Amino acid sequence: VVEPHAVHPRSFELLKVRSRDVLEHIERVVHH
């Protein structure tokens, strides 16, 4: 997404942070 419309830029960055956090949790499950 080049220009995240309908979402505040700060909220969009937090959304990507939360997405990476979910991915990290899944990778922990895979590892265990």
All heavy atoms as atom14 arrays in JSON, in Angstrom:
{
  "sequence": "VVEPHAVHPRSFELLKVRSRDVLEHIERVVHH",
  "atom14_mask": [
    [1, 1, 1, 1, 1, 1, 1, 0, 0, 0, 0, 0, 0, 0],
    [1, 1, 1, 1, 1, 1, 1, 0, 0, 0, 0, 0, 0, 0],
    [1, 1, 1, 1, 1, 1, 1, 1, 1, 0, 0, 0, 0, 0],
    [1, 1, 1, 1, 1, 1, 1, 0, 0, 0, 0, 0, 0, 0],
    [1, 1, 1, 1, 1, 1, 1, 1, 1, 1, 0, 0, 0, 0],
    [1, 1, 1, 1, 1, 0, 0, 0, 0, 0, 0, 0, 0, 0],
    [1, 1, 1, 1, 1, 1, 1, 0, 0, 0, 0, 0, 0, 0],
    [1, 1, 1, 1, 1, 1, 1, 1, 1, 1, 0, 0, 0, 0],
    [1, 1, 1, 1, 1, 1, 1, 0, 0, 0, 0, 0, 0, 0],
    [1, 1, 1, 1, 1, 1, 1, 1, 1, 1, 1, 0, 0, 0],
    [1, 1, 1, 1, 1, 1, 0, 0, 0, 0, 0, 0, 0, 0],
    [1, 1, 1, 1, 1, 1, 1, 1, 1, 1, 1, 0, 0, 0],
    [1, 1, 1, 1, 1, 1, 1, 1, 1, 0, 0, 0, 0, 0],
    [1, 1, 1, 1, 1, 1, 1, 1, 0, 0, 0, 0, 0, 0],
    [1, 1, 1, 1, 1, 1, 1, 1, 0, 0, 0, 0, 0, 0],
    [1, 1, 1, 1, 1, 1, 1, 1, 1, 0, 0, 0, 0, 0],
    [1, 1, 1, 1, 1, 1, 1, 0, 0, 0, 0, 0, 0, 0],
    [1, 1, 1, 1, 1, 1, 1, 1, 1, 1, 1, 0, 0, 0],
    [1, 1, 1, 1, 1, 1, 0, 0, 0, 0, 0, 0, 0, 0],
    [1, 1, 1, 1, 1, 1, 1, 1, 1, 1, 1, 0, 0, 0],
    [1, 1, 1, 1, 1, 1, 1, 1, 0, 0, 0, 0, 0, 0],
    [1, 1, 1, 1, 1, 1, 1, 0, 0, 0, 0, 0, 0, 0],
    [1, 1, 1, 1, 1, 1, 1, 1, 0, 0, 0, 0, 0, 0],
    [1, 1, 1, 1, 1, 1, 1, 1, 1, 0, 0, 0, 0, 0],
    [1, 1, 1, 1, 1, 1, 1, 1, 1, 1, 0, 0, 0, 0],
    [1, 1, 1, 1, 1, 1, 1, 1, 0, 0, 0, 0, 0, 0],
    [1, 1, 1, 1, 1, 1, 1, 1, 1, 0, 0, 0, 0, 0],
    [1, 1, 1, 1, 1, 1, 1, 1, 1, 1, 1, 0, 0, 0],
    [1, 1, 1, 1, 1, 1, 1, 0, 0, 0, 0, 0, 0, 0],
    [1, 1, 1, 1, 1, 1, 1, 0, 0, 0, 0, 0, 0, 0],
    [1, 1, 1, 1, 1, 1, 1, 1, 1, 1, 0, 0, 0, 0],
    [1, 1, 1, 1, 1, 1, 1, 1, 1, 1, 0, 0, 0, 0]
  ],
  "atom14_positions": [
    [[0.85, -1.18, 0.0], [0.0, 0.0, 0.0], [0.89, 1.24, 0.0], [1.68, 1.47, 0.94], [-0.94, 0.0, 1.22], [-1.75, 1.29, 1.26], [-1.87, -1.2, 1.15], [0.0, 0.0, 0.0], [0.0, 0.0, 0.0], [0.0, 0.0, 0.0], [0.0, 0.0, 0.0], [0.0, 0.0, 0.0], [0.0, 0.0, 0.0], [0.0, 0.0, 0.0]],
    [[0.78, 2.06, -1.03], [1.62, 3.26, -1.13], [1.02, 4.4, -0.33], [1.7, 5.06, 0.46], [1.79, 3.66, -2.61], [2.64, 4.93, -2.72], [2.41, 2.52, -3.4], [0.0, 0.0, 0.0], [0.0, 0.0, 0.0], [0.0, 0.0, 0.0], [0.0, 0.0, 0.0], [0.0, 0.0, 0.0], [0.0, 0.0, 0.0], [0.0, 0.0, 0.0]],
    [[-0.29, 4.65, -0.48], [-0.97, 5.71, 0.24], [-2.16, 5.12, 0.97], [-3.22, 4.91, 0.38], [-1.43, 6.8, -0.72], [-0.3, 7.54, -1.41], [-0.81, 8.63, -2.31], [-2.05, 8.77, -2.4], [0.01, 9.34, -2.91], [0.0, 0.0, 0.0], [0.0, 0.0, 0.0], [0.0, 0.0, 0.0], [0.0, 0.0, 0.0], [0.0, 0.0, 0.0]],
    [[-2.01, 4.78, 2.23], [-3.1, 4.16, 2.98], [-4.27, 5.11, 3.18], [-4.25, 5.97, 4.05], [-2.44, 3.79, 4.32], [-1.28, 4.73, 4.45], [-0.8, 4.99, 3.05], [0.0, 0.0, 0.0], [0.0, 0.0, 0.0], [0.0, 0.0, 0.0], [0.0, 0.0, 0.0], [0.0, 0.0, 0.0], [0.0, 0.0, 0.0], [0.0, 0.0, 0.0]],
    [[-5.31, 4.97, 2.34], [-6.48, 5.84, 2.46], [-7.41, 5.26, 3.51], [-7.39, 4.07, 3.81], [-7.21, 5.92, 1.12], [-7.64, 4.58, 0.6], [-6.77, 3.72, 0.0], [-8.85, 3.97, 0.61], [-7.41, 2.63, -0.36], [-8.68, 2.75, 0.01], [0.0, 0.0, 0.0], [0.0, 0.0, 0.0], [0.0, 0.0, 0.0], [0.0, 0.0, 0.0]],
    [[-8.21, 6.11, 4.07], [-9.23, 5.75, 5.08], [-8.61, 5.31, 6.4], [-9.3, 4.86, 7.28], [-10.18, 4.67, 4.56], [0.0, 0.0, 0.0], [0.0, 0.0, 0.0], [0.0, 0.0, 0.0], [0.0, 0.0, 0.0], [0.0, 0.0, 0.0], [0.0, 0.0, 0.0], [0.0, 0.0, 0.0], [0.0, 0.0, 0.0], [0.0, 0.0, 0.0]],
    [[-7.32, 5.42, 6.52], [-6.66, 5.04, 7.77], [-5.61, 6.1, 8.07], [-4.85, 6.52, 7.2], [-5.98, 3.65, 7.67], [-5.31, 3.3, 8.98], [-7.0, 2.58, 7.29], [0.0, 0.0, 0.0], [0.0, 0.0, 0.0], [0.0, 0.0, 0.0], [0.0, 0.0, 0.0], [0.0, 0.0, 0.0], [0.0, 0.0, 0.0], [0.0, 0.0, 0.0]],
    [[-5.57, 6.54, 9.32], [-4.56, 7.51, 9.74], [-3.17, 6.87, 9.6], [-2.99, 5.71, 9.92], [-4.82, 7.92, 11.18], [-4.01, 9.1, 11.6], [-2.73, 8.98, 12.07], [-4.31, 10.44, 11.62], [-2.26, 10.19, 12.36], [-3.2, 11.08, 12.11], [0.0, 0.0, 0.0], [0.0, 0.0, 0.0], [0.0, 0.0, 0.0], [0.0, 0.0, 0.0]],
    [[-2.17, 7.63, 9.1], [-0.84, 7.04, 8.92], [-0.29, 6.39, 10.18], [0.33, 5.33, 10.12], [0.01, 8.24, 8.48], [-0.96, 9.17, 7.84], [-2.24, 9.02, 8.6], [0.0, 0.0, 0.0], [0.0, 0.0, 0.0], [0.0, 0.0, 0.0], [0.0, 0.0, 0.0], [0.0, 0.0, 0.0], [0.0, 0.0, 0.0], [0.0, 0.0, 0.0]],
    [[-0.5, 7.06, 11.34], [-0.01, 6.47, 12.58], [-0.72, 5.15, 12.87], [-0.08, 4.15, 13.24], [-0.25, 7.45, 13.74], [0.09, 6.91, 15.12], [1.56, 6.58, 15.24], [1.89, 6.15, 16.58], [3.06, 5.63, 16.94], [4.03, 5.5, 16.03], [3.29, 5.27, 18.18], [0.0, 0.0, 0.0], [0.0, 0.0, 0.0], [0.0, 0.0, 0.0]],
    [[-2.02, 5.09, 12.65], [-2.77, 3.86, 12.86], [-2.33, 2.77, 11.88], [-2.3, 1.58, 12.22], [-4.27, 4.12, 12.71], [-4.71, 5.06, 13.66], [0.0, 0.0, 0.0], [0.0, 0.0, 0.0], [0.0, 0.0, 0.0], [0.0, 0.0, 0.0], [0.0, 0.0, 0.0], [0.0, 0.0, 0.0], [0.0, 0.0, 0.0], [0.0, 0.0, 0.0]],
    [[-1.99, 3.2, 10.66], [-1.53, 2.23, 9.67], [-0.21, 1.6, 10.08], [0.0, 0.39, 9.92], [-1.4, 2.92, 8.31], [-1.1, 1.98, 7.19], [-2.1, 1.16, 6.66], [0.17, 1.91, 6.64], [-1.82, 0.29, 5.62], [0.45, 1.05, 5.61], [-0.54, 0.23, 5.09], [0.0, 0.0, 0.0], [0.0, 0.0, 0.0], [0.0, 0.0, 0.0]],
    [[0.7, 2.4, 10.65], [1.96, 1.86, 11.15], [1.72, 0.9, 12.31], [2.35, -0.16, 12.41], [2.89, 3.0, 11.56], [3.43, 3.82, 10.43], [4.26, 2.99, 9.46], [4.99, 2.09, 9.93], [4.16, 3.24, 8.25], [0.0, 0.0, 0.0], [0.0, 0.0, 0.0], [0.0, 0.0, 0.0], [0.0, 0.0, 0.0], [0.0, 0.0, 0.0]],
    [[0.81, 1.28, 13.21], [0.49, 0.38, 14.32], [-0.13, -0.91, 13.83], [0.07, -1.99, 14.42], [-0.46, 1.08, 15.3], [0.13, 2.26, 16.07], [-0.94, 2.91, 16.95], [1.31, 1.81, 16.94], [0.0, 0.0, 0.0], [0.0, 0.0, 0.0], [0.0, 0.0, 0.0], [0.0, 0.0, 0.0], [0.0, 0.0, 0.0], [0.0, 0.0, 0.0]],
    [[-0.9, -0.82, 12.75], [-1.51, -2.02, 12.16], [-0.43, -2.97, 11.65], [-0.51, -4.19, 11.85], [-2.44, -1.61, 11.03], [-3.29, -2.72, 10.39], [-4.26, -3.31, 11.39], [-4.03, -2.18, 9.18], [0.0, 0.0, 0.0], [0.0, 0.0, 0.0], [0.0, 0.0, 0.0], [0.0, 0.0, 0.0], [0.0, 0.0, 0.0], [0.0, 0.0, 0.0]],
    [[0.59, -2.43, 11.01], [1.68, -3.28, 10.53], [2.48, -3.86, 11.69], [2.91, -5.01, 11.64], [2.59, -2.47, 9.6], [1.92, -2.06, 8.29], [2.93, -1.7, 7.22], [3.61, -0.38, 7.52], [4.48, 0.06, 6.39], [0.0, 0.0, 0.0], [0.0, 0.0, 0.0], [0.0, 0.0, 0.0], [0.0, 0.0, 0.0], [0.0, 0.0, 0.0]],
    [[2.63, -3.08, 12.76], [3.31, -3.6, 13.95], [2.53, -4.76, 14.55], [3.09, -5.8, 14.92], [3.53, -2.47, 14.98], [4.02, -3.05, 16.31], [4.52, -1.44, 14.46], [0.0, 0.0, 0.0], [0.0, 0.0, 0.0], [0.0, 0.0, 0.0], [0.0, 0.0, 0.0], [0.0, 0.0, 0.0], [0.0, 0.0, 0.0], [0.0, 0.0, 0.0]],
    [[1.21, -4.59, 14.67], [0.38, -5.66, 15.22], [0.42, -6.89, 14.32], [0.43, -8.02, 14.8], [-1.06, -5.17, 15.4], [-1.96, -6.17, 16.12], [-3.35, -5.61, 16.32], [-3.36, -4.49, 17.24], [-3.4, -4.62, 18.57], [-3.42, -5.84, 19.11], [-3.43, -3.56, 19.34], [0.0, 0.0, 0.0], [0.0, 0.0, 0.0], [0.0, 0.0, 0.0]],
    [[0.46, -6.69, 13.01], [0.54, -7.82, 12.08], [1.83, -8.59, 12.28], [1.84, -9.83, 12.3], [0.43, -7.32, 10.64], [-0.79, -6.65, 10.42], [0.0, 0.0, 0.0], [0.0, 0.0, 0.0], [0.0, 0.0, 0.0], [0.0, 0.0, 0.0], [0.0, 0.0, 0.0], [0.0, 0.0, 0.0], [0.0, 0.0, 0.0], [0.0, 0.0, 0.0]],
    [[2.94, -7.86, 12.42], [4.22, -8.54, 12.64], [4.24, -9.25, 13.98], [4.86, -10.32, 14.12], [5.36, -7.53, 12.53], [5.6, -7.03, 11.11], [6.92, -6.27, 11.0], [6.89, -5.03, 11.75], [6.55, -3.85, 11.24], [6.2, -3.76, 9.97], [6.56, -2.75, 11.97], [0.0, 0.0, 0.0], [0.0, 0.0, 0.0], [0.0, 0.0, 0.0]],
    [[3.56, -8.68, 14.97], [3.49, -9.32, 16.28], [2.71, -10.65, 16.2], [3.13, -11.65, 16.78], [2.82, -8.39, 17.28], [2.72, -8.99, 18.68], [3.78, -9.15, 19.33], [1.6, -9.3, 19.11], [0.0, 0.0, 0.0], [0.0, 0.0, 0.0], [0.0, 0.0, 0.0], [0.0, 0.0, 0.0], [0.0, 0.0, 0.0], [0.0, 0.0, 0.0]],
    [[1.6, -10.65, 15.47], [0.84, -11.89, 15.27], [1.7, -12.92, 14.55], [1.72, -14.11, 14.91], [-0.45, -11.6, 14.5], [-1.14, -12.91, 14.1], [-1.4, -10.76, 15.33], [0.0, 0.0, 0.0], [0.0, 0.0, 0.0], [0.0, 0.0, 0.0], [0.0, 0.0, 0.0], [0.0, 0.0, 0.0], [0.0, 0.0, 0.0], [0.0, 0.0, 0.0]],
    [[2.43, -12.48, 13.52], [3.3, -13.39, 12.79], [4.37, -13.98, 13.7], [4.67, -15.19, 13.63], [3.94, -12.66, 11.61], [4.9, -13.48, 10.75], [4.17, -14.65, 10.08], [5.57, -12.61, 9.7], [0.0, 0.0, 0.0], [0.0, 0.0, 0.0], [0.0, 0.0, 0.0], [0.0, 0.0, 0.0], [0.0, 0.0, 0.0], [0.0, 0.0, 0.0]],
    [[4.92, -13.15, 14.57], [5.96, -13.64, 15.51], [5.38, -14.68, 16.46], [6.03, -15.68, 16.76], [6.54, -12.45, 16.27], [7.76, -12.79, 17.11], [7.4, -13.23, 18.52], [6.31, -12.84, 18.99], [8.19, -13.95, 19.15], [0.0, 0.0, 0.0], [0.0, 0.0, 0.0], [0.0, 0.0, 0.0], [0.0, 0.0, 0.0], [0.0, 0.0, 0.0]],
    [[4.15, -14.49, 16.92], [3.51, -15.47, 17.8], [3.28, -16.79, 17.07], [3.48, -17.87, 17.64], [2.19, -14.91, 18.31], [2.35, -13.88, 19.38], [1.29, -13.35, 20.09], [3.46, -13.28, 19.88], [1.74, -12.48, 20.97], [3.05, -12.41, 20.85], [0.0, 0.0, 0.0], [0.0, 0.0, 0.0], [0.0, 0.0, 0.0], [0.0, 0.0, 0.0]],
    [[2.86, -16.7, 15.81], [2.65, -17.93, 15.05], [3.97, -18.66, 14.85], [4.04, -19.9, 14.95], [2.0, -17.6, 13.69], [0.59, -17.04, 13.9], [1.94, -18.84, 12.8], [-0.08, -16.58, 12.63], [0.0, 0.0, 0.0], [0.0, 0.0, 0.0], [0.0, 0.0, 0.0], [0.0, 0.0, 0.0], [0.0, 0.0, 0.0], [0.0, 0.0, 0.0]],
    [[5.04, -17.92, 14.58], [6.35, -18.56, 14.41], [6.81, -19.22, 15.7], [7.46, -20.27, 15.67], [7.37, -17.51, 13.94], [7.14, -17.06, 12.51], [8.1, -15.98, 12.09], [8.73, -15.36, 12.99], [8.22, -15.73, 10.87], [0.0, 0.0, 0.0], [0.0, 0.0, 0.0], [0.0, 0.0, 0.0], [0.0, 0.0, 0.0], [0.0, 0.0, 0.0]],
    [[6.47, -18.62, 16.84], [6.78, -19.28, 18.12], [6.03, -20.59, 18.24], [6.59, -21.61, 18.69], [6.42, -18.35, 19.27], [7.4, -17.22, 19.51], [6.88, -16.27, 20.57], [6.49, -16.97, 21.8], [5.75, -16.43, 22.76], [5.3, -15.2, 22.61], [5.48, -17.11, 23.84], [0.0, 0.0, 0.0], [0.0, 0.0, 0.0], [0.0, 0.0, 0.0]],
    [[4.75, -20.59, 17.85], [3.98, -21.83, 17.9], [4.6, -22.89, 16.99], [4.74, -24.06, 17.37], [2.51, -21.57, 17.51], [1.74, -22.87, 17.45], [1.85, -20.63, 18.51], [0.0, 0.0, 0.0], [0.0, 0.0, 0.0], [0.0, 0.0, 0.0], [0.0, 0.0, 0.0], [0.0, 0.0, 0.0], [0.0, 0.0, 0.0], [0.0, 0.0, 0.0]],
    [[4.98, -22.48, 15.77], [5.6, -23.42, 14.84], [6.88, -23.99, 15.43], [7.13, -25.21, 15.37], [5.9, -22.73, 13.49], [6.72, -23.62, 12.58], [4.6, -22.34, 12.8], [0.0, 0.0, 0.0], [0.0, 0.0, 0.0], [0.0, 0.0, 0.0], [0.0, 0.0, 0.0], [0.0, 0.0, 0.0], [0.0, 0.0, 0.0], [0.0, 0.0, 0.0]],
    [[7.69, -23.13, 16.03], [8.94, -23.58, 16.63], [8.69, -24.59, 17.74], [9.35, -25.65, 17.8], [9.71, -22.37, 17.18], [10.9, -22.73, 18.01], [12.07, -23.22, 17.46], [11.11, -22.68, 19.36], [12.94, -23.46, 18.43], [12.39, -23.14, 19.58], [0.0, 0.0, 0.0], [0.0, 0.0, 0.0], [0.0, 0.0, 0.0], [0.0, 0.0, 0.0]],
    [[7.73, -24.3, 18.62], [7.46, -25.21, 19.73], [6.83, -26.52, 19.25], [7.14, -27.58, 19.79], [6.55, -24.52, 20.75], [7.21, -23.41, 21.51], [8.35, -23.6, 22.26], [6.9, -22.09, 21.63], [8.71, -22.45, 22.83], [7.85, -21.53, 22.45], [0.0, 0.0, 0.0], [0.0, 0.0, 0.0], [0.0, 0.0, 0.0], [0.0, 0.0, 0.0]]
  ]
}
